Amino acid sequence: MWMLTKLSVLVLALVLGTASVFAGELKTITLDVDNMTCGMCPITVKKALKQLDGVKDVEAKYEGDGKGWAKVTYDTESVTIDALTFATEEAGYPSRVPQPQ
C-alpha cells in the first residue's frame, strides 16, 4: 500500500521537475517603466525580471519619451510586486504599478 505524505510528493515533484504543482496563484500585472530610451531597453528589463524565481513570463515594450511597460506573469507565492519593481530599478529602469484613473 502506497502512502504519500506531502514531503514525499514534494520530493517526487522535485525529482520529476514538476515542483510547480505547489505553486501559488499566477497573476499578471503591467508595470509602467521609466528611463527607457530605445528598443534595447525592454530586453534589459525583461532579463532583470526573468531572473526572479516565480516569474513565469515577461513582455516589455518601449513606447517613446523615456516610457515603456512590462507585463509580468508571476507566482504570488514566490515573488512580490515590490521585488518586481526593485529588479527593474536595479537594472536602471524604475517601475511602478499604474494608478487607476
PDB file of N, CA and C in Angstrom:
ATOM      1  N   MET A   1       0.843  -1.173   0.000  1.00  0.00           N
ATOM      2  CA  MET A   1       0.000   0.000   0.000  1.00  0.00           C
ATOM      3  C   MET A   1       0.896   1.246   0.000  1.00  0.00           C
ATOM      4  N   TRP A   2       0.618   2.146  -0.940  1.00  0.00           N
ATOM      5  CA  TRP A   2       1.400   3.378  -1.059  1.00  0.00           C
ATOM      6  C   TRP A   2       0.765   4.466  -0.229  1.00  0.00           C
ATOM      7  N   MET A   3       1.568   5.073   0.590  1.00  0.00           N
ATOM      8  CA  MET A   3       1.075   6.201   1.374  1.00  0.00           C
ATOM      9  C   MET A   3       2.018   7.370   1.118  1.00  0.00           C
ATOM     10  N   LEU A   4       1.518   8.384   0.434  1.00  0.00           N
ATOM     11  CA  LEU A   4       2.342   9.538   0.107  1.00  0.00           C
ATOM     12  C   LEU A   4       2.033  10.690   1.046  1.00  0.00           C
ATOM     13  N   THR A   5       3.051  11.162   1.676  1.00  0.00           N
ATOM     14  CA  THR A   5       2.897  12.348   2.511  1.00  0.00           C
ATOM     15  C   THR A   5       3.218  13.567   1.664  1.00  0.00           C
ATOM     16  N   LYS A   6       2.954  14.734   2.190  1.00  0.00           N
ATOM     17  CA  LYS A   6       3.283  15.955   1.456  1.00  0.00           C
ATOM     18  C   LYS A   6       4.772  16.008   1.130  1.00  0.00           C
ATOM     19  N   LEU A   7       5.604  15.562   2.070  1.00  0.00           N
ATOM     20  CA  LEU A   7       7.042  15.579   1.838  1.00  0.00           C
ATOM     21  C   LEU A   7       7.424  14.653   0.691  1.00  0.00           C
ATOM     22  N   SER A   8       6.863  13.439   0.669  1.00  0.00           N
ATOM     23  CA  SER A   8       7.206  12.523  -0.421  1.00  0.00           C
ATOM     24  C   SER A   8       6.706  13.043  -1.761  1.00  0.00           C
ATOM     25  N   VAL A   9       5.556  13.689  -1.778  1.00  0.00           N
ATOM     26  CA  VAL A   9       5.041  14.247  -3.026  1.00  0.00           C
ATOM     27  C   VAL A   9       5.953  15.383  -3.480  1.00  0.00           C
ATOM     28  N   LEU A  10       6.414  16.210  -2.541  1.00  0.00           N
ATOM     29  CA  LEU A  10       7.321  17.301  -2.882  1.00  0.00           C
ATOM     30  C   LEU A  10       8.632  16.766  -3.441  1.00  0.00           C
ATOM     31  N   VAL A  11       9.202  15.746  -2.797  1.00  0.00           N
ATOM     32  CA  VAL A  11      10.454  15.149  -3.276  1.00  0.00           C
ATOM     33  C   VAL A  11      10.239  14.581  -4.673  1.00  0.00           C
ATOM     34  N   LEU A  12       9.142  13.896  -4.879  1.00  0.00           N
ATOM     35  CA  LEU A  12       8.836  13.337  -6.189  1.00  0.00           C
ATOM     36  C   LEU A  12       8.682  14.449  -7.220  1.00  0.00           C
ATOM     37  N   ALA A  13       8.012  15.513  -6.856  1.00  0.00           N
ATOM     38  CA  ALA A  13       7.825  16.636  -7.769  1.00  0.00           C
ATOM     39  C   ALA A  13       9.156  17.281  -8.130  1.00  0.00           C
ATOM     40  N   LEU A  14      10.046  17.418  -7.155  1.00  0.00           N
ATOM     41  CA  LEU A  14      11.355  17.997  -7.424  1.00  0.00           C
ATOM     42  C   LEU A  14      12.174  17.111  -8.350  1.00  0.00           C
ATOM     43  N   VAL A  15      12.131  15.801  -8.114  1.00  0.00           N
ATOM     44  CA  VAL A  15      12.869  14.854  -8.952  1.00  0.00           C
ATOM     45  C   VAL A  15      12.342  14.884 -10.387  1.00  0.00           C
ATOM     46  N   LEU A  16      11.035  14.971 -10.537  1.00  0.00           N
ATOM     47  CA  LEU A  16      10.427  14.974 -11.864  1.00  0.00           C
ATOM     48  C   LEU A  16      10.415  16.355 -12.496  1.00  0.00           C
ATOM     49  N   GLY A  17      10.812  17.375 -11.739  1.00  0.00           N
ATOM     50  CA  GLY A  17      10.821  18.730 -12.281  1.00  0.00           C
ATOM     51  C   GLY A  17       9.454  19.357 -12.351  1.00  0.00           C
ATOM     52  N   THR A  18       8.549  18.908 -11.511  1.00  0.00           N
ATOM     53  CA  THR A  18       7.198  19.450 -11.540  1.00  0.00           C
ATOM     54  C   THR A  18       6.831  20.078 -10.203  1.00  0.00           C
ATOM     55  N   ALA A  19       7.779  20.734  -9.586  1.00  0.00           N
ATOM     56  CA  ALA A  19       7.527  21.353  -8.285  1.00  0.00           C
ATOM     57  C   ALA A  19       6.494  22.454  -8.361  1.00  0.00           C
ATOM     58  N   SER A  20       6.183  22.934  -9.567  1.00  0.00           N
ATOM     59  CA  SER A  20       5.190  23.993  -9.708  1.00  0.00           C
ATOM     60  C   SER A  20       3.793  23.527  -9.298  1.00  0.00           C
ATOM     61  N   VAL A  21       3.637  22.227  -9.045  1.00  0.00           N
ATOM     62  CA  VAL A  21       2.371  21.705  -8.544  1.00  0.00           C
ATOM     63  C   VAL A  21       1.999  22.426  -7.250  1.00  0.00           C
ATOM     64  N   PHE A  22       3.014  22.853  -6.507  1.00  0.00           N
ATOM     65  CA  PHE A  22       2.790  23.511  -5.233  1.00  0.00           C
ATOM     66  C   PHE A  22       2.865  25.028  -5.340  1.00  0.00           C
ATOM     67  N   ALA A  23       2.856  25.542  -6.553  1.00  0.00           N
ATOM     68  CA  ALA A  23       2.967  26.981  -6.752  1.00  0.00           C
ATOM     69  C   ALA A  23       1.711  27.691  -6.292  1.00  0.00           C
ATOM     70  N   GLY A  24       1.879  28.964  -6.026  1.00  0.00           N
ATOM     71  CA  GLY A  24       0.742  29.789  -5.646  1.00  0.00           C
ATOM     72  C   GLY A  24      -0.035  30.203  -6.881  1.00  0.00           C
ATOM     73  N   GLU A  25      -0.852  31.176  -6.704  1.00  0.00           N
ATOM     74  CA  GLU A  25      -1.680  31.690  -7.793  1.00  0.00           C
ATOM     75  C   GLU A  25      -0.811  32.460  -8.787  1.00  0.00           C
ATOM     76  N   LEU A  26      -1.060  32.271 -10.070  1.00  0.00           N
ATOM     77  CA  LEU A  26      -0.375  33.057 -11.091  1.00  0.00           C
ATOM     78  C   LEU A  26      -1.184  34.325 -11.342  1.00  0.00           C
ATOM     79  N   LYS A  27      -0.502  35.446 -11.337  1.00  0.00           N
ATOM     80  CA  LYS A  27      -1.124  36.732 -11.621  1.00  0.00           C
ATOM     81  C   LYS A  27      -0.325  37.417 -12.712  1.00  0.00           C
ATOM     82  N   THR A  28      -0.999  38.297 -13.426  1.00  0.00           N
ATOM     83  CA  THR A  28      -0.331  39.114 -14.433  1.00  0.00           C
ATOM     84  C   THR A  28      -0.542  40.570 -14.077  1.00  0.00           C
ATOM     85  N   ILE A  29       0.544  41.325 -14.128  1.00  0.00           N
ATOM     86  CA  ILE A  29       0.499  42.747 -13.815  1.00  0.00           C
ATOM     87  C   ILE A  29       1.283  43.491 -14.887  1.00  0.00           C
ATOM     88  N   THR A  30       0.837  44.686 -15.207  1.00  0.00           N
ATOM     89  CA  THR A  30       1.577  45.531 -16.129  1.00  0.00           C
ATOM     90  C   THR A  30       2.161  46.694 -15.342  1.00  0.00           C
ATOM     91  N   LEU A  31       3.473  46.835 -15.433  1.00  0.00           N
ATOM     92  CA  LEU A  31       4.184  47.908 -14.747  1.00  0.00           C
ATOM     93  C   LEU A  31       4.504  49.027 -15.727  1.00  0.00           C
ATOM     94  N   ASP A  32       4.374  50.268 -15.275  1.00  0.00           N
ATOM     95  CA  ASP A  32       4.890  51.400 -16.042  1.00  0.00           C
ATOM     96  C   ASP A  32       6.389  51.449 -15.763  1.00  0.00           C
ATOM     97  N   VAL A  33       7.181  51.574 -16.813  1.00  0.00           N
ATOM     98  CA  VAL A  33       8.637  51.559 -16.668  1.00  0.00           C
ATOM     99  C   VAL A  33       9.216  52.865 -17.222  1.00  0.00           C
ATOM    100  N   ASP A  34      10.062  53.523 -16.423  1.00  0.00           N
ATOM    101  CA  ASP A  34      10.699  54.782 -16.822  1.00  0.00           C
ATOM    102  C   ASP A  34      12.131  54.544 -17.287  1.00  0.00           C
ATOM    103  N   ASN A  35      12.711  55.585 -17.863  1.00  0.00           N
ATOM    104  CA  ASN A  35      14.102  55.634 -18.322  1.00  0.00           C
ATOM    105  C   ASN A  35      14.366  54.818 -19.578  1.00  0.00           C
ATOM    106  N   MET A  36      13.341  54.327 -20.237  1.00  0.00           N
ATOM    107  CA  MET A  36      13.566  53.618 -21.493  1.00  0.00           C
ATOM    108  C   MET A  36      13.830  54.652 -22.593  1.00  0.00           C
ATOM    109  N   THR A  37      14.882  54.416 -23.360  1.00  0.00           N
ATOM    110  CA  THR A  37      15.261  55.377 -24.396  1.00  0.00           C
ATOM    111  C   THR A  37      15.390  54.765 -25.790  1.00  0.00           C
ATOM    112  N   CYS A  38      15.314  53.433 -25.870  1.00  0.00           N
ATOM    113  CA  CYS A  38      15.471  52.794 -27.178  1.00  0.00           C
ATOM    114  C   CYS A  38      14.870  51.386 -27.150  1.00  0.00           C
ATOM    115  N   GLY A  39      14.912  50.733 -28.281  1.00  0.00           N
ATOM    116  CA  GLY A  39      14.365  49.391 -28.411  1.00  0.00           C
ATOM    117  C   GLY A  39      15.123  48.316 -27.661  1.00  0.00           C
ATOM    118  N   MET A  40      16.332  48.620 -27.199  1.00  0.00           N
ATOM    119  CA  MET A  40      17.109  47.641 -26.431  1.00  0.00           C
ATOM    120  C   MET A  40      16.720  47.635 -24.953  1.00  0.00           C
ATOM    121  N   CYS A  41      16.177  48.724 -24.460  1.00  0.00           N
ATOM    122  CA  CYS A  41      15.818  48.833 -23.040  1.00  0.00           C
ATOM    123  C   CYS A  41      14.857  47.721 -22.587  1.00  0.00           C
ATOM    124  N   PRO A  42      13.824  47.398 -23.366  1.00  0.00           N
ATOM    125  CA  PRO A  42      12.923  46.325 -22.930  1.00  0.00           C
ATOM    126  C   PRO A  42      13.625  44.982 -22.742  1.00  0.00           C
ATOM    127  N   ILE A  43      14.677  44.745 -23.504  1.00  0.00           N
ATOM    128  CA  ILE A  43      15.431  43.494 -23.358  1.00  0.00           C
ATOM    129  C   ILE A  43      16.079  43.437 -21.978  1.00  0.00           C
ATOM    130  N   THR A  44      16.651  44.549 -21.547  1.00  0.00           N
ATOM    131  CA  THR A  44      17.288  44.614 -20.228  1.00  0.00           C
ATOM    132  C   THR A  44      16.256  44.446 -19.121  1.00  0.00           C
ATOM    133  N   VAL A  45      15.102  45.097 -19.266  1.00  0.00           N
ATOM    134  CA  VAL A  45      14.022  44.981 -18.273  1.00  0.00           C
ATOM    135  C   VAL A  45      13.547  43.538 -18.195  1.00  0.00           C
ATOM    136  N   LYS A  46      13.348  42.935 -19.344  1.00  0.00           N
ATOM    137  CA  LYS A  46      12.877  41.543 -19.391  1.00  0.00           C
ATOM    138  C   LYS A  46      13.877  40.601 -18.718  1.00  0.00           C
ATOM    139  N   LYS A  47      15.153  40.764 -18.990  1.00  0.00           N
ATOM    140  CA  LYS A  47      16.184  39.918 -18.370  1.00  0.00           C
ATOM    141  C   LYS A  47      16.196  40.086 -16.854  1.00  0.00           C
ATOM    142  N   ALA A  48      16.069  41.326 -16.387  1.00  0.00           N
ATOM    143  CA  ALA A  48      16.086  41.591 -14.936  1.00  0.00           C
ATOM    144  C   ALA A  48      14.908  40.902 -14.252  1.00  0.00           C
ATOM    145  N   LEU A  49      13.745  40.949 -14.866  1.00  0.00           N
ATOM    146  CA  LEU A  49      12.555  40.337 -14.269  1.00  0.00           C
ATOM    147  C   LEU A  49      12.603  38.816 -14.345  1.00  0.00           C
ATOM    148  N   LYS A  50      13.079  38.284 -15.454  1.00  0.00           N
ATOM    149  CA  LYS A  50      13.112  36.827 -15.621  1.00  0.00           C
ATOM    150  C   LYS A  50      14.091  36.144 -14.677  1.00  0.00           C
ATOM    151  N   GLN A  51      15.022  36.900 -14.089  1.00  0.00           N
ATOM    152  CA  GLN A  51      15.966  36.319 -13.132  1.00  0.00           C
ATOM    153  C   GLN A  51      15.313  36.006 -11.794  1.00  0.00           C
ATOM    154  N   LEU A  52      14.145  36.559 -11.540  1.00  0.00           N
ATOM    155  CA  LEU A  52      13.468  36.331 -10.265  1.00  0.00           C
ATOM    156  C   LEU A  52      12.752  34.986 -10.265  1.00  0.00           C
ATOM    157  N   ASP A  53      12.952  34.213  -9.194  1.00  0.00           N
ATOM    158  CA  ASP A  53      12.206  32.968  -9.041  1.00  0.00           C
ATOM    159  C   ASP A  53      10.729  33.323  -8.942  1.00  0.00           C
ATOM    160  N   GLY A  54       9.919  32.610  -9.672  1.00  0.00           N
ATOM    161  CA  GLY A  54       8.483  32.846  -9.630  1.00  0.00           C
ATOM    162  C   GLY A  54       7.961  33.642 -10.807  1.00  0.00           C
ATOM    163  N   VAL A  55       8.847  34.270 -11.571  1.00  0.00           N
ATOM    164  CA  VAL A  55       8.414  34.984 -12.770  1.00  0.00           C
ATOM    165  C   VAL A  55       8.292  33.966 -13.895  1.00  0.00           C
ATOM    166  N   LYS A  56       7.097  33.876 -14.453  1.00  0.00           N
ATOM    167  CA  LYS A  56       6.827  32.868 -15.479  1.00  0.00           C
ATOM    168  C   LYS A  56       6.956  33.410 -16.892  1.00  0.00           C
ATOM    169  N   ASP A  57       6.567  34.682 -17.092  1.00  0.00           N
ATOM    170  CA  ASP A  57       6.606  35.255 -18.434  1.00  0.00           C
ATOM    171  C   ASP A  57       6.720  36.769 -18.322  1.00  0.00           C
ATOM    172  N   VAL A  58       7.419  37.375 -19.286  1.00  0.00           N
ATOM    173  CA  VAL A  58       7.572  38.830 -19.313  1.00  0.00           C
ATOM    174  C   VAL A  58       7.490  39.311 -20.755  1.00  0.00           C
ATOM    175  N   GLU A  59       6.704  40.346 -20.965  1.00  0.00           N
ATOM    176  CA  GLU A  59       6.692  41.104 -22.212  1.00  0.00           C
ATOM    177  C   GLU A  59       7.073  42.519 -21.817  1.00  0.00           C
ATOM    178  N   ALA A  60       7.888  43.189 -22.613  1.00  0.00           N
ATOM    179  CA  ALA A  60       8.244  44.569 -22.319  1.00  0.00           C
ATOM    180  C   ALA A  60       8.317  45.343 -23.631  1.00  0.00           C
ATOM    181  N   LYS A  61       7.971  46.641 -23.545  1.00  0.00           N
ATOM    182  CA  LYS A  61       7.968  47.456 -24.761  1.00  0.00           C
ATOM    183  C   LYS A  61       8.347  48.893 -24.446  1.00  0.00           C
ATOM    184  N   TYR A  62       9.139  49.469 -25.321  1.00  0.00           N
ATOM    185  CA  TYR A  62       9.491  50.883 -25.275  1.00  0.00           C
ATOM    186  C   TYR A  62       8.414  51.644 -26.030  1.00  0.00           C
ATOM    187  N   GLU A  63       7.852  52.677 -25.397  1.00  0.00           N
ATOM    188  CA  GLU A  63       6.765  53.446 -26.005  1.00  0.00           C
ATOM    189  C   GLU A  63       7.216  54.822 -26.483  1.00  0.00           C
ATOM    190  N   GLY A  64       8.438  55.234 -26.172  1.00  0.00           N
ATOM    191  CA  GLY A  64       8.922  56.557 -26.556  1.00  0.00           C
ATOM    192  C   GLY A  64       8.915  57.510 -25.379  1.00  0.00           C
ATOM    193  N   ASP A  65       9.620  58.627 -25.531  1.00  0.00           N
ATOM    194  CA  ASP A  65       9.690  59.673 -24.500  1.00  0.00           C
ATOM    195  C   ASP A  65      10.108  59.142 -23.126  1.00  0.00           C
ATOM    196  N   GLY A  66      11.004  58.157 -23.096  1.00  0.00           N
ATOM    197  CA  GLY A  66      11.505  57.631 -21.819  1.00  0.00           C
ATOM    198  C   GLY A  66      10.553  56.700 -21.109  1.00  0.00           C
ATOM    199  N   LYS A  67       9.472  56.326 -21.754  1.00  0.00           N
ATOM    200  CA  LYS A  67       8.442  55.495 -21.118  1.00  0.00           C
ATOM    201  C   LYS A  67       8.336  54.136 -21.801  1.00  0.00           C
ATOM    202  N   GLY A  68       7.885  53.174 -21.022  1.00  0.00           N
ATOM    203  CA  GLY A  68       7.619  51.840 -21.535  1.00  0.00           C
ATOM    204  C   GLY A  68       6.794  51.081 -20.529  1.00  0.00           C
ATOM    205  N   TRP A  69       6.627  49.798 -20.773  1.00  0.00           N
ATOM    206  CA  TRP A  69       5.863  48.961 -19.854  1.00  0.00           C
ATOM    207  C   TRP A  69       6.428  47.551 -19.857  1.00  0.00           C
ATOM    208  N   ALA A  70       6.074  46.836 -18.802  1.00  0.00           N
ATOM    209  CA  ALA A  70       6.439  45.419 -18.693  1.00  0.00           C
ATOM    210  C   ALA A  70       5.222  44.670 -18.166  1.00  0.00           C
ATOM    211  N   LYS A  71       4.802  43.683 -18.894  1.00  0.00           N
ATOM    212  CA  LYS A  71       3.683  42.824 -18.494  1.00  0.00           C
ATOM    213  C   LYS A  71       4.299  41.544 -17.936  1.00  0.00           C
ATOM    214  N   VAL A  72       4.046  41.274 -16.651  1.00  0.00           N
ATOM    215  CA  VAL A  72       4.722  40.187 -15.946  1.00  0.00           C
ATOM    216  C   VAL A  72       3.695  39.188 -15.413  1.00  0.00           C
ATOM    217  N   THR A  73       3.892  37.926 -15.716  1.00  0.00           N
ATOM    218  CA  THR A  73       3.096  36.854 -15.128  1.00  0.00           C
ATOM    219  C   THR A  73       3.985  36.195 -14.083  1.00  0.00           C
ATOM    220  N   TYR A  74       3.484  36.135 -12.858  1.00  0.00           N
ATOM    221  CA  TYR A  74       4.313  35.667 -11.748  1.00  0.00           C
ATOM    222  C   TYR A  74       3.508  34.845 -10.754  1.00  0.00           C
ATOM    223  N   ASP A  75       4.226  34.044  -9.980  1.00  0.00           N
ATOM    224  CA  ASP A  75       3.661  33.202  -8.931  1.00  0.00           C
ATOM    225  C   ASP A  75       3.627  34.028  -7.649  1.00  0.00           C
ATOM    226  N   THR A  76       2.443  34.253  -7.116  1.00  0.00           N
ATOM    227  CA  THR A  76       2.284  35.110  -5.935  1.00  0.00           C
ATOM    228  C   THR A  76       2.924  34.531  -4.680  1.00  0.00           C
ATOM    229  N   GLU A  77       3.187  33.243  -4.664  1.00  0.00           N
ATOM    230  CA  GLU A  77       3.849  32.619  -3.510  1.00  0.00           C
ATOM    231  C   GLU A  77       5.363  32.794  -3.561  1.00  0.00           C
ATOM    232  N   SER A  78       5.901  33.092  -4.739  1.00  0.00           N
ATOM    233  CA  SER A  78       7.350  33.133  -4.912  1.00  0.00           C
ATOM    234  C   SER A  78       7.933  34.526  -5.032  1.00  0.00           C
ATOM    235  N   VAL A  79       7.148  35.468  -5.512  1.00  0.00           N
ATOM    236  CA  VAL A  79       7.677  36.805  -5.770  1.00  0.00           C
ATOM    237  C   VAL A  79       6.596  37.847  -5.499  1.00  0.00           C
ATOM    238  N   THR A  80       7.030  39.014  -5.046  1.00  0.00           N
ATOM    239  CA  THR A  80       6.098  40.108  -4.747  1.00  0.00           C
ATOM    240  C   THR A  80       6.221  41.214  -5.791  1.00  0.00           C
ATOM    241  N   ILE A  81       5.243  42.089  -5.803  1.00  0.00           N
ATOM    242  CA  ILE A  81       5.296  43.239  -6.696  1.00  0.00           C
ATOM    243  C   ILE A  81       6.487  44.122  -6.329  1.00  0.00           C
ATOM    244  N   ASP A  82       6.752  44.263  -5.037  1.00  0.00           N
ATOM    245  CA  ASP A  82       7.925  45.047  -4.612  1.00  0.00           C
ATOM    246  C   ASP A  82       9.211  44.464  -5.185  1.00  0.00           C
ATOM    247  N   ALA A  83       9.321  43.153  -5.223  1.00  0.00           N
ATOM    248  CA  ALA A  83      10.515  42.509  -5.786  1.00  0.00           C
ATOM    249  C   ALA A  83      10.610  42.775  -7.291  1.00  0.00           C
ATOM    250  N   LEU A  84       9.468  42.791  -7.970  1.00  0.00           N
ATOM    251  CA  LEU A  84       9.462  43.072  -9.408  1.00  0.00           C
ATOM    252  C   LEU A  84       9.955  44.495  -9.670  1.00  0.00           C
ATOM    253  N   THR A  85       9.402  45.460  -8.940  1.00  0.00           N
ATOM    254  CA  THR A  85       9.800  46.854  -9.162  1.00  0.00           C
ATOM    255  C   THR A  85      11.256  47.091  -8.741  1.00  0.00           C
ATOM    256  N   PHE A  86      11.701  46.394  -7.705  1.00  0.00           N
ATOM    257  CA  PHE A  86      13.097  46.514  -7.270  1.00  0.00           C
ATOM    258  C   PHE A  86      14.032  45.983  -8.361  1.00  0.00           C
ATOM    259  N   ALA A  87      13.669  44.882  -8.985  1.00  0.00           N
ATOM    260  CA  ALA A  87      14.510  44.290 -10.035  1.00  0.00           C
ATOM    261  C   ALA A  87      14.674  45.250 -11.211  1.00  0.00           C
ATOM    262  N   THR A  88      13.588  45.898 -11.629  1.00  0.00           N
ATOM    263  CA  THR A  88      13.714  46.836 -12.748  1.00  0.00           C
ATOM    264  C   THR A  88      14.522  48.062 -12.344  1.00  0.00           C
ATOM    265  N   GLU A  89      14.321  48.525 -11.108  1.00  0.00           N
ATOM    266  CA  GLU A  89      15.073  49.685 -10.632  1.00  0.00           C
ATOM    267  C   GLU A  89      16.568  49.390 -10.577  1.00  0.00           C
ATOM    268  N   GLU A  90      16.922  48.204 -10.087  1.00  0.00           N
ATOM    269  CA  GLU A  90      18.329  47.808 -10.024  1.00  0.00           C
ATOM    270  C   GLU A  90      18.952  47.734 -11.419  1.00  0.00           C
ATOM    271  N   ALA A  91      18.127  47.449 -12.426  1.00  0.00           N
ATOM    272  CA  ALA A  91      18.616  47.392 -13.807  1.00  0.00           C
ATOM    273  C   ALA A  91      18.675  48.790 -14.444  1.00  0.00           C
ATOM    274  N   GLY A  92      18.232  49.814 -13.700  1.00  0.00           N
ATOM    275  CA  GLY A  92      18.278  51.181 -14.207  1.00  0.00           C
ATOM    276  C   GLY A  92      16.961  51.699 -14.751  1.00  0.00           C
ATOM    277  N   TYR A  93      15.893  50.941 -14.519  1.00  0.00           N
ATOM    278  CA  TYR A  93      14.584  51.298 -15.054  1.00  0.00           C
ATOM    279  C   TYR A  93      13.532  51.264 -13.944  1.00  0.00           C
ATOM    280  N   PRO A  94      13.353  52.374 -13.233  1.00  0.00           N
ATOM    281  CA  PRO A  94      12.345  52.393 -12.171  1.00  0.00           C
ATOM    282  C   PRO A  94      10.963  52.058 -12.731  1.00  0.00           C
ATOM    283  N   SER A  95      10.202  51.303 -11.971  1.00  0.00           N
ATOM    284  CA  SER A  95       8.854  50.924 -12.428  1.00  0.00           C
ATOM    285  C   SER A  95       7.872  51.047 -11.288  1.00  0.00           C
ATOM    286  N   ARG A  96       6.609  51.047 -11.655  1.00  0.00           N
ATOM    287  CA  ARG A  96       5.541  51.157 -10.658  1.00  0.00           C
ATOM    288  C   ARG A  96       4.265  50.586 -11.231  1.00  0.00           C
ATOM    289  N   VAL A  97       3.362  50.254 -10.342  1.00  0.00           N
ATOM    290  CA  VAL A  97       2.033  49.804 -10.748  1.00  0.00           C
ATOM    291  C   VAL A  97       1.253  51.060 -11.113  1.00  0.00           C
ATOM    292  N   PRO A  98       0.654  51.099 -12.290  1.00  0.00           N
ATOM    293  CA  PRO A  98      -0.116  52.288 -12.678  1.00  0.00           C
ATOM    294  C   PRO A  98      -1.284  52.526 -11.715  1.00  0.00           C
ATOM    295  N   GLN A  99      -1.526  53.776 -11.411  1.00  0.00           N
ATOM    296  CA  GLN A  99      -2.651  54.134 -10.559  1.00  0.00           C
ATOM    297  C   GLN A  99      -3.928  54.160 -11.395  1.00  0.00           C
ATOM    298  N   PRO A 100      -5.040  53.656 -10.849  1.00  0.00           N
ATOM    299  CA  PRO A 100      -6.293  53.697 -11.590  1.00  0.00           C
ATOM    300  C   PRO A 100      -6.680  55.139 -11.903  1.00  0.00           C
ATOM    301  N   GLN A 101      -7.248  55.336 -13.042  1.00  0.00           N
ATOM    302  CA  GLN A 101      -7.670  56.696 -13.465  1.00  0.00           C
ATOM    303  C   GLN A 101      -8.994  57.059 -12.848  1.00  0.00           C
TER     304      GLN A 101
END
